[in-house]
Amino acid sequence: MALSTFLLLVVIGVLGGFASGLLGLGGGIIMVPFMLIFLNYSQQQAQGTSLAILAVPVTFISAYNYYQDGEINWKYALIMALCFIVGGYFGSKLAITINQALLKKIFGVVMLIVGLKMIFGK
């Protein structure tokens, strides 16, 4: 692996982890576009890699910090987590079967809608 690639991976990882911890974004909103642009990953590769990265280390550490501050509603979290497993299974099955161009558009539209809602919403 080239040093430049290694450094790029470090930057993407740090930015994704920072965004996840700071904003609760899941990091993928930062890492997926960076992997598409700078690593020339397919949409499926970027999403799969992002999920693999976030699965344990960032999620556990970030959630623990929020837990220490009393900022987690465990009842709601458990209900959503169980549903998240089902949604994640079917969503990932769909993502690996549909056309990459369509998946990129879906990802972009979701990011745009969420961004606009956060900027212009109440």
PDB file of N, CA and C in Angstrom:
ATOM      1  N   MET A   1       0.850  -1.177   0.000  1.00  0.00           N
ATOM      2  CA  MET A   1       0.000   0.000   0.000  1.00  0.00           C
ATOM      3  C   MET A   1       0.894   1.237   0.000  1.00  0.00           C
ATOM      4  N   ALA A   2       0.578   2.156  -0.857  1.00  0.00           N
ATOM      5  CA  ALA A   2       1.346   3.395  -0.949  1.00  0.00           C
ATOM      6  C   ALA A   2       1.084   4.260   0.283  1.00  0.00           C
ATOM      7  N   LEU A   3       2.086   5.047   0.659  1.00  0.00           N
ATOM      8  CA  LEU A   3       1.954   5.938   1.811  1.00  0.00           C
ATOM      9  C   LEU A   3       0.796   6.915   1.612  1.00  0.00           C
ATOM     10  N   SER A   4       0.639   7.428   0.386  1.00  0.00           N
ATOM     11  CA  SER A   4      -0.449   8.376   0.119  1.00  0.00           C
ATOM     12  C   SER A   4      -1.816   7.719   0.333  1.00  0.00           C
ATOM     13  N   THR A   5      -1.949   6.463  -0.056  1.00  0.00           N
ATOM     14  CA  THR A   5      -3.203   5.740   0.174  1.00  0.00           C
ATOM     15  C   THR A   5      -3.439   5.554   1.663  1.00  0.00           C
ATOM     16  N   PHE A   6      -2.395   5.173   2.388  1.00  0.00           N
ATOM     17  CA  PHE A   6      -2.504   4.990   3.834  1.00  0.00           C
ATOM     18  C   PHE A   6      -2.941   6.286   4.510  1.00  0.00           C
ATOM     19  N   LEU A   7      -2.311   7.398   4.144  1.00  0.00           N
ATOM     20  CA  LEU A   7      -2.662   8.690   4.741  1.00  0.00           C
ATOM     21  C   LEU A   7      -4.098   9.087   4.404  1.00  0.00           C
ATOM     22  N   LEU A   8      -4.526   8.791   3.186  1.00  0.00           N
ATOM     23  CA  LEU A   8      -5.901   9.077   2.785  1.00  0.00           C
ATOM     24  C   LEU A   8      -6.883   8.257   3.621  1.00  0.00           C
ATOM     25  N   LEU A   9      -6.553   6.992   3.869  1.00  0.00           N
ATOM     26  CA  LEU A   9      -7.396   6.145   4.713  1.00  0.00           C
ATOM     27  C   LEU A   9      -7.474   6.692   6.136  1.00  0.00           C
ATOM     28  N   VAL A  10      -6.352   7.187   6.642  1.00  0.00           N
ATOM     29  CA  VAL A  10      -6.317   7.773   7.987  1.00  0.00           C
ATOM     30  C   VAL A  10      -7.229   9.000   8.049  1.00  0.00           C
ATOM     31  N   VAL A  11      -7.127   9.877   7.058  1.00  0.00           N
ATOM     32  CA  VAL A  11      -7.943  11.096   7.033  1.00  0.00           C
ATOM     33  C   VAL A  11      -9.431  10.750   6.953  1.00  0.00           C
ATOM     34  N   ILE A  12      -9.792   9.835   6.059  1.00  0.00           N
ATOM     35  CA  ILE A  12     -11.195   9.441   5.924  1.00  0.00           C
ATOM     36  C   ILE A  12     -11.703   8.834   7.227  1.00  0.00           C
ATOM     37  N   GLY A  13     -10.901   7.978   7.841  1.00  0.00           N
ATOM     38  CA  GLY A  13     -11.294   7.348   9.101  1.00  0.00           C
ATOM     39  C   GLY A  13     -11.477   8.344  10.225  1.00  0.00           C
ATOM     40  N   VAL A  14     -10.542   9.274  10.357  1.00  0.00           N
ATOM     41  CA  VAL A  14     -10.629  10.279  11.425  1.00  0.00           C
ATOM     42  C   VAL A  14     -11.841  11.183  11.206  1.00  0.00           C
ATOM     43  N   LEU A  15     -12.045  11.647   9.980  1.00  0.00           N
ATOM     44  CA  LEU A  15     -13.194  12.515   9.708  1.00  0.00           C
ATOM     45  C   LEU A  15     -14.508  11.781   9.933  1.00  0.00           C
ATOM     46  N   GLY A  16     -14.585  10.535   9.489  1.00  0.00           N
ATOM     47  CA  GLY A  16     -15.799   9.747   9.693  1.00  0.00           C
ATOM     48  C   GLY A  16     -16.077   9.503  11.163  1.00  0.00           C
ATOM     49  N   GLY A  17     -15.057   9.129  11.907  1.00  0.00           N
ATOM     50  CA  GLY A  17     -15.215   8.896  13.343  1.00  0.00           C
ATOM     51  C   GLY A  17     -15.581  10.163  14.086  1.00  0.00           C
ATOM     52  N   PHE A  18     -14.945  11.266  13.710  1.00  0.00           N
ATOM     53  CA  PHE A  18     -15.235  12.549  14.344  1.00  0.00           C
ATOM     54  C   PHE A  18     -16.689  12.952  14.096  1.00  0.00           C
ATOM     55  N   ALA A  19     -17.129  12.846  12.837  1.00  0.00           N
ATOM     56  CA  ALA A  19     -18.508  13.204  12.498  1.00  0.00           C
ATOM     57  C   ALA A  19     -19.497  12.306  13.226  1.00  0.00           C
ATOM     58  N   SER A  20     -19.162  11.038  13.324  1.00  0.00           N
ATOM     59  CA  SER A  20     -20.041  10.098  14.017  1.00  0.00           C
ATOM     60  C   SER A  20     -20.161  10.442  15.494  1.00  0.00           C
ATOM     61  N   GLY A  21     -19.037  10.680  16.140  1.00  0.00           N
ATOM     62  CA  GLY A  21     -19.051  11.013  17.561  1.00  0.00           C
ATOM     63  C   GLY A  21     -19.670  12.366  17.848  1.00  0.00           C
ATOM     64  N   LEU A  22     -19.382  13.342  17.002  1.00  0.00           N
ATOM     65  CA  LEU A  22     -19.867  14.701  17.215  1.00  0.00           C
ATOM     66  C   LEU A  22     -21.348  14.847  16.887  1.00  0.00           C
ATOM     67  N   LEU A  23     -21.755  14.291  15.756  1.00  0.00           N
ATOM     68  CA  LEU A  23     -23.098  14.542  15.255  1.00  0.00           C
ATOM     69  C   LEU A  23     -24.001  13.318  15.232  1.00  0.00           C
ATOM     70  N   GLY A  24     -23.467  12.162  15.594  1.00  0.00           N
ATOM     71  CA  GLY A  24     -24.267  10.948  15.552  1.00  0.00           C
ATOM     72  C   GLY A  24     -24.649  10.546  14.140  1.00  0.00           C
ATOM     73  N   LEU A  25     -23.792  10.867  13.185  1.00  0.00           N
ATOM     74  CA  LEU A  25     -24.101  10.635  11.779  1.00  0.00           C
ATOM     75  C   LEU A  25     -23.868   9.218  11.299  1.00  0.00           C
ATOM     76  N   GLY A  26     -23.207   8.422  12.054  1.00  0.00           N
ATOM     77  CA  GLY A  26     -22.869   7.108  11.550  1.00  0.00           C
ATOM     78  C   GLY A  26     -21.624   7.138  10.688  1.00  0.00           C
ATOM     79  N   GLY A  27     -21.037   8.279  10.493  1.00  0.00           N
ATOM     80  CA  GLY A  27     -19.775   8.373   9.771  1.00  0.00           C
ATOM     81  C   GLY A  27     -19.872   8.121   8.284  1.00  0.00           C
ATOM     82  N   GLY A  28     -20.825   7.307   7.869  1.00  0.00           N
ATOM     83  CA  GLY A  28     -20.960   6.963   6.461  1.00  0.00           C
ATOM     84  C   GLY A  28     -21.244   8.157   5.581  1.00  0.00           C
ATOM     85  N   ILE A  29     -21.882   9.150   6.143  1.00  0.00           N
ATOM     86  CA  ILE A  29     -22.194  10.346   5.370  1.00  0.00           C
ATOM     87  C   ILE A  29     -20.918  11.076   4.953  1.00  0.00           C
ATOM     88  N   ILE A  30     -19.846  10.872   5.692  1.00  0.00           N
ATOM     89  CA  ILE A  30     -18.548  11.444   5.353  1.00  0.00           C
ATOM     90  C   ILE A  30     -17.723  10.438   4.562  1.00  0.00           C
ATOM     91  N   MET A  31     -17.647   9.218   5.077  1.00  0.00           N
ATOM     92  CA  MET A  31     -16.734   8.230   4.501  1.00  0.00           C
ATOM     93  C   MET A  31     -17.161   7.724   3.132  1.00  0.00           C
ATOM     94  N   VAL A  32     -18.450   7.495   2.919  1.00  0.00           N
ATOM     95  CA  VAL A  32     -18.884   6.956   1.630  1.00  0.00           C
ATOM     96  C   VAL A  32     -18.526   7.901   0.483  1.00  0.00           C
ATOM     97  N   PRO A  33     -18.888   9.186   0.550  1.00  0.00           N
ATOM     98  CA  PRO A  33     -18.492  10.072  -0.553  1.00  0.00           C
ATOM     99  C   PRO A  33     -16.969  10.158  -0.739  1.00  0.00           C
ATOM    100  N   PHE A  34     -16.216  10.173   0.355  1.00  0.00           N
ATOM    101  CA  PHE A  34     -14.758  10.238   0.236  1.00  0.00           C
ATOM    102  C   PHE A  34     -14.200   8.989  -0.436  1.00  0.00           C
ATOM    103  N   MET A  35     -14.737   7.817  -0.089  1.00  0.00           N
ATOM    104  CA  MET A  35     -14.259   6.584  -0.721  1.00  0.00           C
ATOM    105  C   MET A  35     -14.622   6.554  -2.204  1.00  0.00           C
ATOM    106  N   LEU A  36     -15.778   7.101  -2.557  1.00  0.00           N
ATOM    107  CA  LEU A  36     -16.172   7.172  -3.960  1.00  0.00           C
ATOM    108  C   LEU A  36     -15.243   8.089  -4.746  1.00  0.00           C
ATOM    109  N   ILE A  37     -14.960   9.241  -4.170  1.00  0.00           N
ATOM    110  CA  ILE A  37     -14.176  10.258  -4.872  1.00  0.00           C
ATOM    111  C   ILE A  37     -12.685   9.953  -4.870  1.00  0.00           C
ATOM    112  N   PHE A  38     -12.130   9.652  -3.708  1.00  0.00           N
ATOM    113  CA  PHE A  38     -10.678   9.548  -3.586  1.00  0.00           C
ATOM    114  C   PHE A  38     -10.121   8.136  -3.738  1.00  0.00           C
ATOM    115  N   LEU A  39     -10.931   7.119  -3.499  1.00  0.00           N
ATOM    116  CA  LEU A  39     -10.448   5.740  -3.623  1.00  0.00           C
ATOM    117  C   LEU A  39     -11.050   5.025  -4.829  1.00  0.00           C
ATOM    118  N   ASN A  40     -11.917   5.730  -5.553  1.00  0.00           N
ATOM    119  CA  ASN A  40     -12.580   5.169  -6.733  1.00  0.00           C
ATOM    120  C   ASN A  40     -13.319   3.870  -6.434  1.00  0.00           C
ATOM    121  N   TYR A  41     -13.911   3.787  -5.253  1.00  0.00           N
ATOM    122  CA  TYR A  41     -14.706   2.619  -4.882  1.00  0.00           C
ATOM    123  C   TYR A  41     -16.036   2.659  -5.622  1.00  0.00           C
ATOM    124  N   SER A  42     -16.633   1.493  -5.833  1.00  0.00           N
ATOM    125  CA  SER A  42     -18.016   1.459  -6.306  1.00  0.00           C
ATOM    126  C   SER A  42     -18.897   1.866  -5.125  1.00  0.00           C
ATOM    127  N   GLN A  43     -20.132   2.219  -5.411  1.00  0.00           N
ATOM    128  CA  GLN A  43     -21.049   2.602  -4.338  1.00  0.00           C
ATOM    129  C   GLN A  43     -21.202   1.458  -3.338  1.00  0.00           C
ATOM    130  N   GLN A  44     -21.315   0.235  -3.850  1.00  0.00           N
ATOM    131  CA  GLN A  44     -21.468  -0.918  -2.968  1.00  0.00           C
ATOM    132  C   GLN A  44     -20.228  -1.136  -2.109  1.00  0.00           C
ATOM    133  N   GLN A  45     -19.032  -0.986  -2.694  1.00  0.00           N
ATOM    134  CA  GLN A  45     -17.790  -1.140  -1.920  1.00  0.00           C
ATOM    135  C   GLN A  45     -17.705  -0.097  -0.813  1.00  0.00           C
ATOM    136  N   ALA A  46     -18.041   1.144  -1.150  1.00  0.00           N
ATOM    137  CA  ALA A  46     -17.957   2.230  -0.168  1.00  0.00           C
ATOM    138  C   ALA A  46     -18.941   2.002   0.980  1.00  0.00           C
ATOM    139  N   GLN A  47     -20.158   1.619   0.656  1.00  0.00           N
ATOM    140  CA  GLN A  47     -21.154   1.392   1.702  1.00  0.00           C
ATOM    141  C   GLN A  47     -20.783   0.185   2.559  1.00  0.00           C
ATOM    142  N   GLY A  48     -20.333  -0.883   1.929  1.00  0.00           N
ATOM    143  CA  GLY A  48     -19.938  -2.071   2.685  1.00  0.00           C
ATOM    144  C   GLY A  48     -18.760  -1.804   3.596  1.00  0.00           C
ATOM    145  N   THR A  49     -17.764  -1.088   3.083  1.00  0.00           N
ATOM    146  CA  THR A  49     -16.589  -0.757   3.881  1.00  0.00           C
ATOM    147  C   THR A  49     -16.969   0.155   5.038  1.00  0.00           C
ATOM    148  N   SER A  50     -17.818   1.132   4.775  1.00  0.00           N
ATOM    149  CA  SER A  50     -18.273   2.040   5.826  1.00  0.00           C
ATOM    150  C   SER A  50     -18.974   1.274   6.941  1.00  0.00           C
ATOM    151  N   LEU A  51     -19.834   0.352   6.575  1.00  0.00           N
ATOM    152  CA  LEU A  51     -20.542  -0.442   7.585  1.00  0.00           C
ATOM    153  C   LEU A  51     -19.579  -1.305   8.390  1.00  0.00           C
ATOM    154  N   ALA A  52     -18.583  -1.875   7.723  1.00  0.00           N
ATOM    155  CA  ALA A  52     -17.601  -2.712   8.423  1.00  0.00           C
ATOM    156  C   ALA A  52     -16.798  -1.891   9.432  1.00  0.00           C
ATOM    157  N   ILE A  53     -16.485  -0.669   9.066  1.00  0.00           N
ATOM    158  CA  ILE A  53     -15.705   0.211   9.944  1.00  0.00           C
ATOM    159  C   ILE A  53     -16.527   0.620  11.166  1.00  0.00           C
ATOM    160  N   LEU A  54     -17.773   0.955  10.942  1.00  0.00           N
ATOM    161  CA  LEU A  54     -18.609   1.515  12.002  1.00  0.00           C
ATOM    162  C   LEU A  54     -19.211   0.477  12.926  1.00  0.00           C
ATOM    163  N   ALA A  55     -19.223  -0.758  12.503  1.00  0.00           N
ATOM    164  CA  ALA A  55     -19.949  -1.803  13.220  1.00  0.00           C
ATOM    165  C   ALA A  55     -19.652  -1.835  14.713  1.00  0.00           C
ATOM    166  N   VAL A  56     -18.413  -1.842  15.103  1.00  0.00           N
ATOM    167  CA  VAL A  56     -18.106  -1.987  16.527  1.00  0.00           C
ATOM    168  C   VAL A  56     -17.341  -0.807  17.105  1.00  0.00           C
ATOM    169  N   PRO A  57     -16.186  -0.452  16.548  1.00  0.00           N
ATOM    170  CA  PRO A  57     -15.347   0.509  17.283  1.00  0.00           C
ATOM    171  C   PRO A  57     -15.975   1.876  17.499  1.00  0.00           C
ATOM    172  N   VAL A  58     -16.438   2.503  16.457  1.00  0.00           N
ATOM    173  CA  VAL A  58     -16.987   3.853  16.595  1.00  0.00           C
ATOM    174  C   VAL A  58     -18.303   3.815  17.357  1.00  0.00           C
ATOM    175  N   THR A  59     -19.143   2.871  17.016  1.00  0.00           N
ATOM    176  CA  THR A  59     -20.443   2.782  17.661  1.00  0.00           C
ATOM    177  C   THR A  59     -20.297   2.574  19.160  1.00  0.00           C
ATOM    178  N   PHE A  60     -19.474   1.635  19.567  1.00  0.00           N
ATOM    179  CA  PHE A  60     -19.314   1.334  20.988  1.00  0.00           C
ATOM    180  C   PHE A  60     -18.734   2.517  21.751  1.00  0.00           C
ATOM    181  N   ILE A  61     -17.650   3.069  21.247  1.00  0.00           N
ATOM    182  CA  ILE A  61     -16.972   4.159  21.960  1.00  0.00           C
ATOM    183  C   ILE A  61     -17.862   5.399  22.036  1.00  0.00           C
ATOM    184  N   SER A  62     -18.482   5.760  20.922  1.00  0.00           N
ATOM    185  CA  SER A  62     -19.347   6.940  20.918  1.00  0.00           C
ATOM    186  C   SER A  62     -20.560   6.733  21.821  1.00  0.00           C
ATOM    187  N   ALA A  63     -21.199   5.567  21.716  1.00  0.00           N
ATOM    188  CA  ALA A  63     -22.368   5.293  22.559  1.00  0.00           C
ATOM    189  C   ALA A  63     -21.990   5.288  24.033  1.00  0.00           C
ATOM    190  N   TYR A  64     -20.834   4.774  24.360  1.00  0.00           N
ATOM    191  CA  TYR A  64     -20.385   4.747  25.751  1.00  0.00           C
ATOM    192  C   TYR A  64     -20.251   6.164  26.310  1.00  0.00           C
ATOM    193  N   ASN A  65     -19.697   7.069  25.513  1.00  0.00           N
ATOM    194  CA  ASN A  65     -19.571   8.457  25.961  1.00  0.00           C
ATOM    195  C   ASN A  65     -20.942   9.084  26.219  1.00  0.00           C
ATOM    196  N   TYR A  66     -21.900   8.831  25.323  1.00  0.00           N
ATOM    197  CA  TYR A  66     -23.250   9.358  25.528  1.00  0.00           C
ATOM    198  C   TYR A  66     -23.918   8.691  26.732  1.00  0.00           C
ATOM    199  N   TYR A  67     -23.664   7.398  26.926  1.00  0.00           N
ATOM    200  CA  TYR A  67     -24.207   6.660  28.073  1.00  0.00           C
ATOM    201  C   TYR A  67     -23.709   7.263  29.385  1.00  0.00           C
ATOM    202  N   GLN A  68     -22.419   7.562  29.455  1.00  0.00           N
ATOM    203  CA  GLN A  68     -21.846   8.141  30.672  1.00  0.00           C
ATOM    204  C   GLN A  68     -22.507   9.460  31.031  1.00  0.00           C
ATOM    205  N   ASP A  69     -22.980  10.168  30.024  1.00  0.00           N
ATOM    206  CA  ASP A  69     -23.619  11.457  30.259  1.00  0.00           C
ATOM    207  C   ASP A  69     -25.134  11.319  30.430  1.00  0.00           C
ATOM    208  N   GLY A  70     -25.642  10.089  30.418  1.00  0.00           N
ATOM    209  CA  GLY A  70     -27.076   9.862  30.601  1.00  0.00           C
ATOM    210  C   GLY A  70     -27.929  10.238  29.411  1.00  0.00           C
ATOM    211  N   GLU A  71     -27.361  10.196  28.225  1.00  0.00           N
ATOM    212  CA  GLU A  71     -28.058  10.665  27.028  1.00  0.00           C
ATOM    213  C   GLU A  71     -28.605   9.548  26.145  1.00  0.00           C
ATOM    214  N   ILE A  72     -28.825   8.355  26.691  1.00  0.00           N
ATOM    215  CA  ILE A  72     -29.367   7.252  25.894  1.00  0.00           C
ATOM    216  C   ILE A  72     -30.676   6.781  26.512  1.00  0.00           C
ATOM    217  N   ASN A  73     -31.710   6.709  25.703  1.00  0.00           N
ATOM    218  CA  ASN A  73     -32.986   6.130  26.110  1.00  0.00           C
ATOM    219  C   ASN A  73     -32.922   4.657  25.705  1.00  0.00           C
ATOM    220  N   TRP A  74     -32.596   3.782  26.662  1.00  0.00           N
ATOM    221  CA  TRP A  74     -32.342   2.374  26.367  1.00  0.00           C
ATOM    222  C   TRP A  74     -33.573   1.656  25.827  1.00  0.00           C
ATOM    223  N   LYS A  75     -34.750   1.993  26.309  1.00  0.00           N
ATOM    224  CA  LYS A  75     -35.970   1.345  25.825  1.00  0.00           C
ATOM    225  C   LYS A  75     -36.156   1.629  24.336  1.00  0.00           C
ATOM    226  N   TYR A  76     -36.061   2.879  23.966  1.00  0.00           N
ATOM    227  CA  TYR A  76     -36.201   3.254  22.559  1.00  0.00           C
ATOM    228  C   TYR A  76     -35.062   2.673  21.729  1.00  0.00           C
ATOM    229  N   ALA A  77     -33.854   2.721  22.277  1.00  0.00           N
ATOM    230  CA  ALA A  77     -32.687   2.213  21.551  1.00  0.00           C
ATOM    231  C   ALA A  77     -32.833   0.727  21.247  1.00  0.00           C
ATOM    232  N   LEU A  78     -33.339  -0.048  22.202  1.00  0.00           N
ATOM    233  CA  LEU A  78     -33.503  -1.485  21.996  1.00  0.00           C
ATOM    234  C   LEU A  78     -34.535  -1.770  20.909  1.00  0.00           C
ATOM    235  N   ILE A  79     -35.652  -1.076  20.960  1.00  0.00           N
ATOM    236  CA  ILE A  79     -36.692  -1.268  19.942  1.00  0.00           C
ATOM    237  C   ILE A  79     -36.145  -0.930  18.560  1.00  0.00           C
ATOM    238  N   MET A  80     -35.483   0.226  18.444  1.00  0.00           N
ATOM    239  CA  MET A  80     -34.939   0.627  17.148  1.00  0.00           C
ATOM    240  C   MET A  80     -33.824  -0.304  16.699  1.00  0.00           C
ATOM    241  N   ALA A  81     -33.001  -0.791  17.625  1.00  0.00           N
ATOM    242  CA  ALA A  81     -31.900  -1.687  17.267  1.00  0.00           C
ATOM    243  C   ALA A  81     -32.424  -2.989  16.678  1.00  0.00           C
ATOM    244  N   LEU A  82     -33.465  -3.546  17.282  1.00  0.00           N
ATOM    245  CA  LEU A  82     -34.041  -4.783  16.749  1.00  0.00           C
ATOM    246  C   LEU A  82     -34.601  -4.565  15.345  1.00  0.00           C
ATOM    247  N   CYS A  83     -35.271  -3.450  15.149  1.00  0.00           N
ATOM    248  CA  CYS A  83     -35.803  -3.125  13.826  1.00  0.00           C
ATOM    249  C   CYS A  83     -34.685  -2.793  12.847  1.00  0.00           C
ATOM    250  N   PHE A  84     -33.624  -2.192  13.351  1.00  0.00           N
ATOM    251  CA  PHE A  84     -32.463  -1.835  12.533  1.00  0.00           C
ATOM    252  C   PHE A  84     -31.826  -3.084  11.933  1.00  0.00           C
ATOM    253  N   ILE A  85     -31.798  -4.159  12.705  1.00  0.00           N
ATOM    254  CA  ILE A  85     -31.234  -5.421  12.214  1.00  0.00           C
ATOM    255  C   ILE A  85     -32.021  -5.909  11.000  1.00  0.00           C
ATOM    256  N   VAL A  86     -33.333  -5.881  11.105  1.00  0.00           N
ATOM    257  CA  VAL A  86     -34.184  -6.320   9.996  1.00  0.00           C
ATOM    258  C   VAL A  86     -33.997  -5.401   8.787  1.00  0.00           C
ATOM    259  N   GLY A  87     -34.077  -4.093   9.032  1.00  0.00           N
ATOM    260  CA  GLY A  87     -33.906  -3.134   7.944  1.00  0.00           C
ATOM    261  C   GLY A  87     -32.532  -3.219   7.310  1.00  0.00           C
ATOM    262  N   GLY A  88     -31.507  -3.389   8.137  1.00  0.00           N
ATOM    263  CA  GLY A  88     -30.142  -3.504   7.622  1.00  0.00           C
ATOM    264  C   GLY A  88     -29.955  -4.727   6.754  1.00  0.00           C
ATOM    265  N   TYR A  89     -30.575  -5.827   7.147  1.00  0.00           N
ATOM    266  CA  TYR A  89     -30.472  -7.058   6.360  1.00  0.00           C
ATOM    267  C   TYR A  89     -31.078  -6.856   4.973  1.00  0.00           C
ATOM    268  N   PHE A  90     -32.331  -6.391   4.937  1.00  0.00           N
ATOM    269  CA  PHE A  90     -33.007  -6.239   3.654  1.00  0.00           C
ATOM    270  C   PHE A  90     -32.429  -5.092   2.826  1.00  0.00           C
ATOM    271  N   GLY A  91     -32.036  -4.006   3.487  1.00  0.00           N
ATOM    272  CA  GLY A  91     -31.427  -2.891   2.765  1.00  0.00           C
ATOM    273  C   GLY A  91     -30.112  -3.272   2.110  1.00  0.00           C
ATOM    274  N   SER A  92     -29.291  -4.037   2.820  1.00  0.00           N
ATOM    275  CA  SER A  92     -28.003  -4.449   2.243  1.00  0.00           C
ATOM    276  C   SER A  92     -28.204  -5.457   1.120  1.00  0.00           C
ATOM    277  N   LYS A  93     -29.196  -6.343   1.250  1.00  0.00           N
ATOM    278  CA  LYS A  93     -29.504  -7.289   0.166  1.00  0.00           C
ATOM    279  C   LYS A  93     -29.904  -6.532  -1.096  1.00  0.00           C
ATOM    280  N   LEU A  94     -30.726  -5.493  -0.936  1.00  0.00           N
ATOM    281  CA  LEU A  94     -31.137  -4.686  -2.080  1.00  0.00           C
ATOM    282  C   LEU A  94     -29.955  -3.920  -2.655  1.00  0.00           C
ATOM    283  N   ALA A  95     -29.134  -3.331  -1.787  1.00  0.00           N
ATOM    284  CA  ALA A  95     -28.007  -2.502  -2.237  1.00  0.00           C
ATOM    285  C   ALA A  95     -27.015  -3.280  -3.094  1.00  0.00           C
ATOM    286  N   ILE A  96     -26.803  -4.551  -2.779  1.00  0.00           N
ATOM    287  CA  ILE A  96     -25.814  -5.305  -3.560  1.00  0.00           C
ATOM    288  C   ILE A  96     -26.390  -5.869  -4.853  1.00  0.00           C
ATOM    289  N   THR A  97     -27.699  -5.737  -5.034  1.00  0.00           N
ATOM    290  CA  THR A  97     -28.299  -6.271  -6.260  1.00  0.00           C
ATOM    291  C   THR A  97     -28.680  -5.192  -7.269  1.00  0.00           C
ATOM    292  N   ILE A  98     -28.846  -3.949  -6.828  1.00  0.00           N
ATOM    293  CA  ILE A  98     -29.268  -2.921  -7.782  1.00  0.00           C
ATOM    294  C   ILE A  98     -28.068  -2.270  -8.454  1.00  0.00           C
ATOM    295  N   ASN A  99     -28.336  -1.606  -9.544  1.00  0.00           N
ATOM    296  CA  ASN A  99     -27.324  -0.929 -10.345  1.00  0.00           C
ATOM    297  C   ASN A  99     -26.609   0.141  -9.526  1.00  0.00           C
ATOM    298  N   GLN A 100     -25.280   0.220  -9.674  1.00  0.00           N
ATOM    299  CA  GLN A 100     -24.482   1.183  -8.922  1.00  0.00           C
ATOM    300  C   GLN A 100     -24.927   2.625  -9.173  1.00  0.00           C
ATOM    301  N   ALA A 101     -25.250   2.964 -10.412  1.00  0.00           N
ATOM    302  CA  ALA A 101     -25.667   4.335 -10.730  1.00  0.00           C
ATOM    303  C   ALA A 101     -26.954   4.694  -9.988  1.00  0.00           C
ATOM    304  N   LEU A 102     -27.887   3.765  -9.933  1.00  0.00           N
ATOM    305  CA  LEU A 102     -29.131   4.010  -9.206  1.00  0.00           C
ATOM    306  C   LEU A 102     -28.868   4.138  -7.713  1.00  0.00           C
ATOM    307  N   LEU A 103     -28.011   3.286  -7.180  1.00  0.00           N
ATOM    308  CA  LEU A 103     -27.681   3.336  -5.757  1.00  0.00           C
ATOM    309  C   LEU A 103     -27.025   4.669  -5.394  1.00  0.00           C
ATOM    310  N   LYS A 104     -26.136   5.163  -6.257  1.00  0.00           N
ATOM    311  CA  LYS A 104     -25.512   6.476  -6.022  1.00  0.00           C
ATOM    312  C   LYS A 104     -26.569   7.574  -5.983  1.00  0.00           C
ATOM    313  N   LYS A 105     -27.508   7.510  -6.907  1.00  0.00           N
ATOM    314  CA  LYS A 105     -28.567   8.525  -6.941  1.00  0.00           C
ATOM    315  C   LYS A 105     -29.422   8.467  -5.671  1.00  0.00           C
ATOM    316  N   ILE A 106     -29.781   7.269  -5.249  1.00  0.00           N
ATOM    317  CA  ILE A 106     -30.570   7.115  -4.022  1.00  0.00           C
ATOM    318  C   ILE A 106     -29.812   7.693  -2.833  1.00  0.00           C
ATOM    319  N   PHE A 107     -28.524   7.353  -2.720  1.00  0.00           N
ATOM    320  CA  PHE A 107     -27.686   7.860  -1.630  1.00  0.00           C
ATOM    321  C   PHE A 107     -27.641   9.386  -1.658  1.00  0.00           C
ATOM    322  N   GLY A 108     -27.416   9.960  -2.836  1.00  0.00           N
ATOM    323  CA  GLY A 108     -27.342  11.411  -2.979  1.00  0.00           C
ATOM    324  C   GLY A 108     -28.645  12.109  -2.642  1.00  0.00           C
ATOM    325  N   VAL A 109     -29.755  11.556  -3.093  1.00  0.00           N
ATOM    326  CA  VAL A 109     -31.064  12.150  -2.813  1.00  0.00           C
ATOM    327  C   VAL A 109     -31.356  12.116  -1.315  1.00  0.00           C
ATOM    328  N   VAL A 110     -31.057  10.998  -0.672  1.00  0.00           N
ATOM    329  CA  VAL A 110     -31.283  10.905   0.774  1.00  0.00           C
ATOM    330  C   VAL A 110     -30.434  11.936   1.510  1.00  0.00           C
ATOM    331  N   MET A 111     -29.159  12.059   1.134  1.00  0.00           N
ATOM    332  CA  MET A 111     -28.294  13.062   1.777  1.00  0.00           C
ATOM    333  C   MET A 111     -28.834  14.470   1.547  1.00  0.00           C
ATOM    334  N   LEU A 112     -29.294  14.751   0.335  1.00  0.00           N
ATOM    335  CA  LEU A 112     -29.828  16.072   0.009  1.00  0.00           C
ATOM    336  C   LEU A 112     -31.083  16.381   0.825  1.00  0.00           C
ATOM    337  N   ILE A 113     -32.010  15.445   0.877  1.00  0.00           N
ATOM    338  CA  ILE A 113     -33.256  15.661   1.621  1.00  0.00           C
ATOM    339  C   ILE A 113     -32.973  15.882   3.104  1.00  0.00           C
ATOM    340  N   VAL A 114     -32.135  15.039   3.671  1.00  0.00           N
ATOM    341  CA  VAL A 114     -31.806  15.187   5.095  1.00  0.00           C
ATOM    342  C   VAL A 114     -31.111  16.525   5.345  1.00  0.00           C
ATOM    343  N   GLY A 115     -30.172  16.881   4.476  1.00  0.00           N
ATOM    344  CA  GLY A 115     -29.464  18.150   4.629  1.00  0.00           C
ATOM    345  C   GLY A 115     -30.396  19.349   4.548  1.00  0.00           C
ATOM    346  N   LEU A 116     -31.278  19.354   3.564  1.00  0.00           N
ATOM    347  CA  LEU A 116     -32.225  20.463   3.423  1.00  0.00           C
ATOM    348  C   LEU A 116     -33.173  20.543   4.614  1.00  0.00           C
ATOM    349  N   LYS A 117     -33.626  19.394   5.073  1.00  0.00           N
ATOM    350  CA  LYS A 117     -34.525  19.367   6.235  1.00  0.00           C
ATOM    351  C   LYS A 117     -33.826  19.933   7.471  1.00  0.00           C
ATOM    352  N   MET A 118     -32.569  19.586   7.638  1.00  0.00           N
ATOM    353  CA  MET A 118     -31.838  20.081   8.812  1.00  0.00           C
ATOM    354  C   MET A 118     -31.552  21.573   8.700  1.00  0.00           C
ATOM    355  N   ILE A 119     -31.281  22.040   7.499  1.00  0.00           N
ATOM    356  CA  ILE A 119     -30.975  23.463   7.314  1.00  0.00           C
ATOM    357  C   ILE A 119     -32.238  24.318   7.426  1.00  0.00           C
ATOM    358  N   PHE A 120     -33.317  23.881   6.783  1.00  0.00           N
ATOM    359  CA  PHE A 120     -34.517  24.712   6.708  1.00  0.00           C
ATOM    360  C   PHE A 120     -35.648  24.274   7.633  1.00  0.00           C
ATOM    361  N   GLY A 121     -35.489  23.151   8.323  1.00  0.00           N
ATOM    362  CA  GLY A 121     -36.536  22.653   9.222  1.00  0.00           C
ATOM    363  C   GLY A 121     -36.567  23.418  10.531  1.00  0.00           C
ATOM    364  N   LYS A 122     -37.514  23.049  11.351  1.00  0.00           N
ATOM    365  CA  LYS A 122     -37.685  23.720  12.647  1.00  0.00           C
ATOM    366  C   LYS A 122     -36.611  23.331  13.619  1.00  0.00           C
TER     367      LYS A 122
END
